[in-house]
Amino acid sequence: MSASDGRRRKLFSEVLKDGDRRYKITLNAKDKSQSLEQNKFQLKKDINPTDIKVDINSFKTLRKGRILIETGSEE
């Protein structure tokens, strides 16, 4: 996008103001005997985001047995 297009480039602050908000939650496993992948699979099976109609943007595994879930709404 160049200045000759007649469009002005947005500032980073303007993009954040207009953009979608993201909400993040970090979960820690109580039982350290299961692997991180087993915990992730169990969480997906128990929650099942399609049944409860929750829009999950990302589902990541972190260090020390933590899982990060990022959604588009606070609910």
PDB file of N, CA and C in Angstrom:
ATOM      1  N   MET A   1       0.848  -1.159   0.000  1.00  0.00           N
ATOM      2  CA  MET A   1       0.000   0.000   0.000  1.00  0.00           C
ATOM      3  C   MET A   1       0.899   1.228   0.000  1.00  0.00           C
ATOM      4  N   SER A   2       0.813   2.015  -1.002  1.00  0.00           N
ATOM      5  CA  SER A   2       1.653   3.202  -1.086  1.00  0.00           C
ATOM      6  C   SER A   2       0.798   4.453  -0.927  1.00  0.00           C
ATOM      7  N   ALA A   3       1.464   5.582  -0.747  1.00  0.00           N
ATOM      8  CA  ALA A   3       0.770   6.858  -0.567  1.00  0.00           C
ATOM      9  C   ALA A   3       0.045   7.278  -1.846  1.00  0.00           C
ATOM     10  N   SER A   4       0.465   6.786  -2.991  1.00  0.00           N
ATOM     11  CA  SER A   4      -0.162   7.151  -4.258  1.00  0.00           C
ATOM     12  C   SER A   4      -1.542   6.521  -4.420  1.00  0.00           C
ATOM     13  N   ASP A   5      -1.867   5.513  -3.604  1.00  0.00           N
ATOM     14  CA  ASP A   5      -3.176   4.879  -3.660  1.00  0.00           C
ATOM     15  C   ASP A   5      -4.274   5.794  -3.123  1.00  0.00           C
ATOM     16  N   GLY A   6      -3.895   6.835  -2.423  1.00  0.00           N
ATOM     17  CA  GLY A   6      -4.874   7.703  -1.804  1.00  0.00           C
ATOM     18  C   GLY A   6      -5.298   7.215  -0.427  1.00  0.00           C
ATOM     19  N   ARG A   7      -4.725   6.097  -0.005  1.00  0.00           N
ATOM     20  CA  ARG A   7      -5.030   5.559   1.320  1.00  0.00           C
ATOM     21  C   ARG A   7      -3.860   5.831   2.244  1.00  0.00           C
ATOM     22  N   ARG A   8      -4.197   6.136   3.483  1.00  0.00           N
ATOM     23  CA  ARG A   8      -3.167   6.392   4.484  1.00  0.00           C
ATOM     24  C   ARG A   8      -2.939   5.120   5.295  1.00  0.00           C
ATOM     25  N   ARG A   9      -1.686   4.822   5.556  1.00  0.00           N
ATOM     26  CA  ARG A   9      -1.363   3.652   6.382  1.00  0.00           C
ATOM     27  C   ARG A   9      -1.805   3.903   7.807  1.00  0.00           C
ATOM     28  N   LYS A  10      -2.345   2.873   8.439  1.00  0.00           N
ATOM     29  CA  LYS A  10      -2.806   2.999   9.818  1.00  0.00           C
ATOM     30  C   LYS A  10      -1.632   2.899  10.776  1.00  0.00           C
ATOM     31  N   LEU A  11      -1.732   3.645  11.854  1.00  0.00           N
ATOM     32  CA  LEU A  11      -0.764   3.525  12.926  1.00  0.00           C
ATOM     33  C   LEU A  11      -1.062   2.258  13.725  1.00  0.00           C
ATOM     34  N   PHE A  12      -0.045   1.765  14.406  1.00  0.00           N
ATOM     35  CA  PHE A  12      -0.204   0.555  15.209  1.00  0.00           C
ATOM     36  C   PHE A  12      -1.299   0.740  16.258  1.00  0.00           C
ATOM     37  N   SER A  13      -1.350   1.907  16.879  1.00  0.00           N
ATOM     38  CA  SER A  13      -2.368   2.173  17.897  1.00  0.00           C
ATOM     39  C   SER A  13      -3.772   2.159  17.299  1.00  0.00           C
ATOM     40  N   GLU A  14      -3.920   2.595  16.057  1.00  0.00           N
ATOM     41  CA  GLU A  14      -5.219   2.580  15.387  1.00  0.00           C
ATOM     42  C   GLU A  14      -5.662   1.144  15.079  1.00  0.00           C
ATOM     43  N   VAL A  15      -4.725   0.328  14.703  1.00  0.00           N
ATOM     44  CA  VAL A  15      -5.045  -1.070  14.422  1.00  0.00           C
ATOM     45  C   VAL A  15      -5.501  -1.764  15.694  1.00  0.00           C
ATOM     46  N   LEU A  16      -4.817  -1.506  16.804  1.00  0.00           N
ATOM     47  CA  LEU A  16      -5.203  -2.120  18.067  1.00  0.00           C
ATOM     48  C   LEU A  16      -6.567  -1.634  18.524  1.00  0.00           C
ATOM     49  N   LYS A  17      -6.859  -0.380  18.310  1.00  0.00           N
ATOM     50  CA  LYS A  17      -8.133   0.184  18.712  1.00  0.00           C
ATOM     51  C   LYS A  17      -9.275  -0.452  17.924  1.00  0.00           C
ATOM     52  N   ASP A  18      -9.083  -0.640  16.620  1.00  0.00           N
ATOM     53  CA  ASP A  18     -10.109  -1.211  15.758  1.00  0.00           C
ATOM     54  C   ASP A  18     -10.157  -2.727  15.833  1.00  0.00           C
ATOM     55  N   GLY A  19      -9.054  -3.332  16.158  1.00  0.00           N
ATOM     56  CA  GLY A  19      -8.911  -4.787  16.055  1.00  0.00           C
ATOM     57  C   GLY A  19      -9.718  -5.557  17.068  1.00  0.00           C
ATOM     58  N   ASP A  20      -9.698  -6.858  16.870  1.00  0.00           N
ATOM     59  CA  ASP A  20     -10.427  -7.731  17.775  1.00  0.00           C
ATOM     60  C   ASP A  20      -9.613  -7.955  19.034  1.00  0.00           C
ATOM     61  N   ARG A  21     -10.306  -8.096  20.126  1.00  0.00           N
ATOM     62  CA  ARG A  21      -9.648  -8.352  21.404  1.00  0.00           C
ATOM     63  C   ARG A  21      -9.444  -9.854  21.547  1.00  0.00           C
ATOM     64  N   ARG A  22      -8.399 -10.197  22.233  1.00  0.00           N
ATOM     65  CA  ARG A  22      -8.117 -11.605  22.496  1.00  0.00           C
ATOM     66  C   ARG A  22      -7.969 -11.805  23.992  1.00  0.00           C
ATOM     67  N   TYR A  23      -8.530 -12.858  24.463  1.00  0.00           N
ATOM     68  CA  TYR A  23      -8.484 -13.192  25.876  1.00  0.00           C
ATOM     69  C   TYR A  23      -7.703 -14.482  26.034  1.00  0.00           C
ATOM     70  N   LYS A  24      -6.831 -14.497  27.039  1.00  0.00           N
ATOM     71  CA  LYS A  24      -5.962 -15.650  27.242  1.00  0.00           C
ATOM     72  C   LYS A  24      -6.146 -16.196  28.647  1.00  0.00           C
ATOM     73  N   ILE A  25      -6.090 -17.510  28.740  1.00  0.00           N
ATOM     74  CA  ILE A  25      -6.122 -18.167  30.037  1.00  0.00           C
ATOM     75  C   ILE A  25      -5.031 -19.243  30.031  1.00  0.00           C
ATOM     76  N   THR A  26      -4.334 -19.349  31.134  1.00  0.00           N
ATOM     77  CA  THR A  26      -3.287 -20.355  31.282  1.00  0.00           C
ATOM     78  C   THR A  26      -3.740 -21.367  32.324  1.00  0.00           C
ATOM     79  N   LEU A  27      -3.653 -22.629  31.981  1.00  0.00           N
ATOM     80  CA  LEU A  27      -4.049 -23.702  32.879  1.00  0.00           C
ATOM     81  C   LEU A  27      -2.819 -24.491  33.298  1.00  0.00           C
ATOM     82  N   ASN A  28      -2.790 -24.872  34.567  1.00  0.00           N
ATOM     83  CA  ASN A  28      -1.721 -25.713  35.093  1.00  0.00           C
ATOM     84  C   ASN A  28      -2.305 -27.069  35.467  1.00  0.00           C
ATOM     85  N   ALA A  29      -1.580 -28.117  35.169  1.00  0.00           N
ATOM     86  CA  ALA A  29      -2.034 -29.468  35.492  1.00  0.00           C
ATOM     87  C   ALA A  29      -1.791 -29.763  36.964  1.00  0.00           C
ATOM     88  N   LYS A  30      -2.797 -30.320  37.618  1.00  0.00           N
ATOM     89  CA  LYS A  30      -2.628 -30.727  39.012  1.00  0.00           C
ATOM     90  C   LYS A  30      -1.813 -32.010  39.099  1.00  0.00           C
ATOM     91  N   ASP A  31      -2.106 -32.930  38.174  1.00  0.00           N
ATOM     92  CA  ASP A  31      -1.450 -34.232  38.163  1.00  0.00           C
ATOM     93  C   ASP A  31      -0.260 -34.178  37.204  1.00  0.00           C
ATOM     94  N   LYS A  32       0.927 -34.206  37.727  1.00  0.00           N
ATOM     95  CA  LYS A  32       2.140 -34.110  36.906  1.00  0.00           C
ATOM     96  C   LYS A  32       2.553 -35.459  36.311  1.00  0.00           C
ATOM     97  N   SER A  33       1.812 -36.538  36.630  1.00  0.00           N
ATOM     98  CA  SER A  33       2.205 -37.854  36.135  1.00  0.00           C
ATOM     99  C   SER A  33       1.856 -38.036  34.651  1.00  0.00           C
ATOM    100  N   GLN A  34       0.854 -37.305  34.143  1.00  0.00           N
ATOM    101  CA  GLN A  34       0.496 -37.409  32.730  1.00  0.00           C
ATOM    102  C   GLN A  34       1.371 -36.478  31.904  1.00  0.00           C
ATOM    103  N   SER A  35       1.563 -36.849  30.641  1.00  0.00           N
ATOM    104  CA  SER A  35       2.344 -35.993  29.755  1.00  0.00           C
ATOM    105  C   SER A  35       1.512 -34.779  29.356  1.00  0.00           C
ATOM    106  N   LEU A  36       2.175 -33.796  28.836  1.00  0.00           N
ATOM    107  CA  LEU A  36       1.512 -32.570  28.414  1.00  0.00           C
ATOM    108  C   LEU A  36       0.523 -32.836  27.283  1.00  0.00           C
ATOM    109  N   GLU A  37       0.880 -33.712  26.369  1.00  0.00           N
ATOM    110  CA  GLU A  37      -0.017 -34.048  25.264  1.00  0.00           C
ATOM    111  C   GLU A  37      -1.261 -34.791  25.763  1.00  0.00           C
ATOM    112  N   GLN A  38      -1.096 -35.648  26.780  1.00  0.00           N
ATOM    113  CA  GLN A  38      -2.253 -36.345  27.353  1.00  0.00           C
ATOM    114  C   GLN A  38      -3.197 -35.350  28.021  1.00  0.00           C
ATOM    115  N   ASN A  39      -2.637 -34.366  28.730  1.00  0.00           N
ATOM    116  CA  ASN A  39      -3.450 -33.342  29.363  1.00  0.00           C
ATOM    117  C   ASN A  39      -4.200 -32.511  28.322  1.00  0.00           C
ATOM    118  N   LYS A  40      -3.525 -32.175  27.247  1.00  0.00           N
ATOM    119  CA  LYS A  40      -4.131 -31.383  26.172  1.00  0.00           C
ATOM    120  C   LYS A  40      -5.276 -32.156  25.530  1.00  0.00           C
ATOM    121  N   PHE A  41      -5.060 -33.438  25.239  1.00  0.00           N
ATOM    122  CA  PHE A  41      -6.094 -34.278  24.652  1.00  0.00           C
ATOM    123  C   PHE A  41      -7.288 -34.413  25.590  1.00  0.00           C
ATOM    124  N   GLN A  42      -7.033 -34.628  26.875  1.00  0.00           N
ATOM    125  CA  GLN A  42      -8.101 -34.776  27.866  1.00  0.00           C
ATOM    126  C   GLN A  42      -8.906 -33.483  27.984  1.00  0.00           C
ATOM    127  N   LEU A  43      -8.241 -32.364  27.954  1.00  0.00           N
ATOM    128  CA  LEU A  43      -8.925 -31.072  28.034  1.00  0.00           C
ATOM    129  C   LEU A  43      -9.810 -30.839  26.817  1.00  0.00           C
ATOM    130  N   LYS A  44      -9.301 -31.150  25.638  1.00  0.00           N
ATOM    131  CA  LYS A  44     -10.100 -31.005  24.416  1.00  0.00           C
ATOM    132  C   LYS A  44     -11.319 -31.923  24.448  1.00  0.00           C
ATOM    133  N   LYS A  45     -11.132 -33.136  24.969  1.00  0.00           N
ATOM    134  CA  LYS A  45     -12.228 -34.098  25.028  1.00  0.00           C
ATOM    135  C   LYS A  45     -13.292 -33.657  26.034  1.00  0.00           C
ATOM    136  N   ASP A  46     -12.869 -33.161  27.192  1.00  0.00           N
ATOM    137  CA  ASP A  46     -13.810 -32.770  28.242  1.00  0.00           C
ATOM    138  C   ASP A  46     -14.553 -31.476  27.913  1.00  0.00           C
ATOM    139  N   ILE A  47     -13.844 -30.503  27.365  1.00  0.00           N
ATOM    140  CA  ILE A  47     -14.469 -29.204  27.085  1.00  0.00           C
ATOM    141  C   ILE A  47     -15.267 -29.251  25.789  1.00  0.00           C
ATOM    142  N   ASN A  48     -14.706 -29.778  24.724  1.00  0.00           N
ATOM    143  CA  ASN A  48     -15.315 -29.845  23.400  1.00  0.00           C
ATOM    144  C   ASN A  48     -15.912 -28.498  22.995  1.00  0.00           C
ATOM    145  N   PRO A  49     -15.086 -27.577  22.507  1.00  0.00           N
ATOM    146  CA  PRO A  49     -15.506 -26.207  22.211  1.00  0.00           C
ATOM    147  C   PRO A  49     -16.675 -26.100  21.235  1.00  0.00           C
ATOM    148  N   THR A  50     -16.858 -27.055  20.344  1.00  0.00           N
ATOM    149  CA  THR A  50     -17.969 -26.975  19.396  1.00  0.00           C
ATOM    150  C   THR A  50     -19.311 -27.204  20.080  1.00  0.00           C
ATOM    151  N   ASP A  51     -19.339 -28.035  21.114  1.00  0.00           N
ATOM    152  CA  ASP A  51     -20.588 -28.285  21.841  1.00  0.00           C
ATOM    153  C   ASP A  51     -21.023 -27.078  22.657  1.00  0.00           C
ATOM    154  N   ILE A  52     -20.071 -26.394  23.280  1.00  0.00           N
ATOM    155  CA  ILE A  52     -20.422 -25.241  24.119  1.00  0.00           C
ATOM    156  C   ILE A  52     -20.324 -23.920  23.360  1.00  0.00           C
ATOM    157  N   LYS A  53     -20.058 -24.007  22.068  1.00  0.00           N
ATOM    158  CA  LYS A  53     -20.009 -22.855  21.162  1.00  0.00           C
ATOM    159  C   LYS A  53     -19.050 -21.763  21.656  1.00  0.00           C
ATOM    160  N   VAL A  54     -17.819 -22.170  21.913  1.00  0.00           N
ATOM    161  CA  VAL A  54     -16.757 -21.251  22.303  1.00  0.00           C
ATOM    162  C   VAL A  54     -15.768 -21.169  21.162  1.00  0.00           C
ATOM    163  N   ASP A  55     -15.419 -19.963  20.782  1.00  0.00           N
ATOM    164  CA  ASP A  55     -14.483 -19.744  19.687  1.00  0.00           C
ATOM    165  C   ASP A  55     -13.059 -19.711  20.240  1.00  0.00           C
ATOM    166  N   ILE A  56     -12.317 -20.792  20.071  1.00  0.00           N
ATOM    167  CA  ILE A  56     -10.930 -20.857  20.538  1.00  0.00           C
ATOM    168  C   ILE A  56     -10.019 -20.556  19.364  1.00  0.00           C
ATOM    169  N   ASN A  57      -9.205 -19.494  19.507  1.00  0.00           N
ATOM    170  CA  ASN A  57      -8.296 -19.092  18.444  1.00  0.00           C
ATOM    171  C   ASN A  57      -7.010 -19.899  18.454  1.00  0.00           C
ATOM    172  N   SER A  58      -6.489 -20.175  19.634  1.00  0.00           N
ATOM    173  CA  SER A  58      -5.271 -20.977  19.702  1.00  0.00           C
ATOM    174  C   SER A  58      -5.275 -21.816  20.973  1.00  0.00           C
ATOM    175  N   PHE A  59      -4.561 -22.913  20.905  1.00  0.00           N
ATOM    176  CA  PHE A  59      -4.471 -23.882  21.991  1.00  0.00           C
ATOM    177  C   PHE A  59      -3.028 -24.350  22.003  1.00  0.00           C
ATOM    178  N   LYS A  60      -2.210 -23.803  22.900  1.00  0.00           N
ATOM    179  CA  LYS A  60      -0.770 -24.071  22.870  1.00  0.00           C
ATOM    180  C   LYS A  60      -0.306 -24.718  24.165  1.00  0.00           C
ATOM    181  N   THR A  61       0.714 -25.542  24.038  1.00  0.00           N
ATOM    182  CA  THR A  61       1.359 -26.111  25.208  1.00  0.00           C
ATOM    183  C   THR A  61       2.564 -25.257  25.555  1.00  0.00           C
ATOM    184  N   LEU A  62       2.739 -25.021  26.838  1.00  0.00           N
ATOM    185  CA  LEU A  62       3.856 -24.218  27.333  1.00  0.00           C
ATOM    186  C   LEU A  62       4.743 -25.085  28.222  1.00  0.00           C
ATOM    187  N   ARG A  63       5.802 -24.494  28.703  1.00  0.00           N
ATOM    188  CA  ARG A  63       6.714 -25.219  29.596  1.00  0.00           C
ATOM    189  C   ARG A  63       6.078 -25.466  30.953  1.00  0.00           C
ATOM    190  N   LYS A  64       6.628 -26.392  31.673  1.00  0.00           N
ATOM    191  CA  LYS A  64       6.235 -26.744  33.040  1.00  0.00           C
ATOM    192  C   LYS A  64       4.781 -27.194  33.145  1.00  0.00           C
ATOM    193  N   GLY A  65       4.287 -27.874  32.123  1.00  0.00           N
ATOM    194  CA  GLY A  65       2.951 -28.455  32.176  1.00  0.00           C
ATOM    195  C   GLY A  65       1.807 -27.478  32.047  1.00  0.00           C
ATOM    196  N   ARG A  66       2.031 -26.347  31.433  1.00  0.00           N
ATOM    197  CA  ARG A  66       0.979 -25.351  31.282  1.00  0.00           C
ATOM    198  C   ARG A  66       0.394 -25.384  29.877  1.00  0.00           C
ATOM    199  N   ILE A  67      -0.873 -24.995  29.769  1.00  0.00           N
ATOM    200  CA  ILE A  67      -1.570 -24.919  28.490  1.00  0.00           C
ATOM    201  C   ILE A  67      -2.161 -23.527  28.357  1.00  0.00           C
ATOM    202  N   LEU A  68      -1.972 -22.886  27.211  1.00  0.00           N
ATOM    203  CA  LEU A  68      -2.497 -21.551  26.949  1.00  0.00           C
ATOM    204  C   LEU A  68      -3.649 -21.663  25.963  1.00  0.00           C
ATOM    205  N   ILE A  69      -4.803 -21.092  26.353  1.00  0.00           N
ATOM    206  CA  ILE A  69      -5.981 -21.067  25.492  1.00  0.00           C
ATOM    207  C   ILE A  69      -6.285 -19.601  25.197  1.00  0.00           C
ATOM    208  N   GLU A  70      -6.428 -19.276  23.915  1.00  0.00           N
ATOM    209  CA  GLU A  70      -6.710 -17.906  23.491  1.00  0.00           C
ATOM    210  C   GLU A  70      -8.052 -17.890  22.759  1.00  0.00           C
ATOM    211  N   THR A  71      -8.943 -16.988  23.205  1.00  0.00           N
ATOM    212  CA  THR A  71     -10.289 -16.913  22.635  1.00  0.00           C
ATOM    213  C   THR A  71     -10.585 -15.483  22.165  1.00  0.00           C
ATOM    214  N   GLY A  72     -11.660 -15.323  21.428  1.00  0.00           N
ATOM    215  CA  GLY A  72     -12.073 -14.018  20.939  1.00  0.00           C
ATOM    216  C   GLY A  72     -13.075 -13.336  21.852  1.00  0.00           C
ATOM    217  N   SER A  73     -13.600 -14.050  22.849  1.00  0.00           N
ATOM    218  CA  SER A  73     -14.552 -13.445  23.772  1.00  0.00           C
ATOM    219  C   SER A  73     -14.202 -13.833  25.207  1.00  0.00           C
ATOM    220  N   GLU A  74     -14.662 -13.003  26.123  1.00  0.00           N
ATOM    221  CA  GLU A  74     -14.361 -13.242  27.536  1.00  0.00           C
ATOM    222  C   GLU A  74     -15.135 -14.445  28.089  1.00  0.00           C
ATOM    223  N   GLU A  75     -16.266 -14.747  27.485  1.00  0.00           N
ATOM    224  CA  GLU A  75     -17.101 -15.858  27.945  1.00  0.00           C
ATOM    225  C   GLU A  75     -16.400 -17.179  27.722  1.00  0.00           C
TER     226      GLU A  75
END
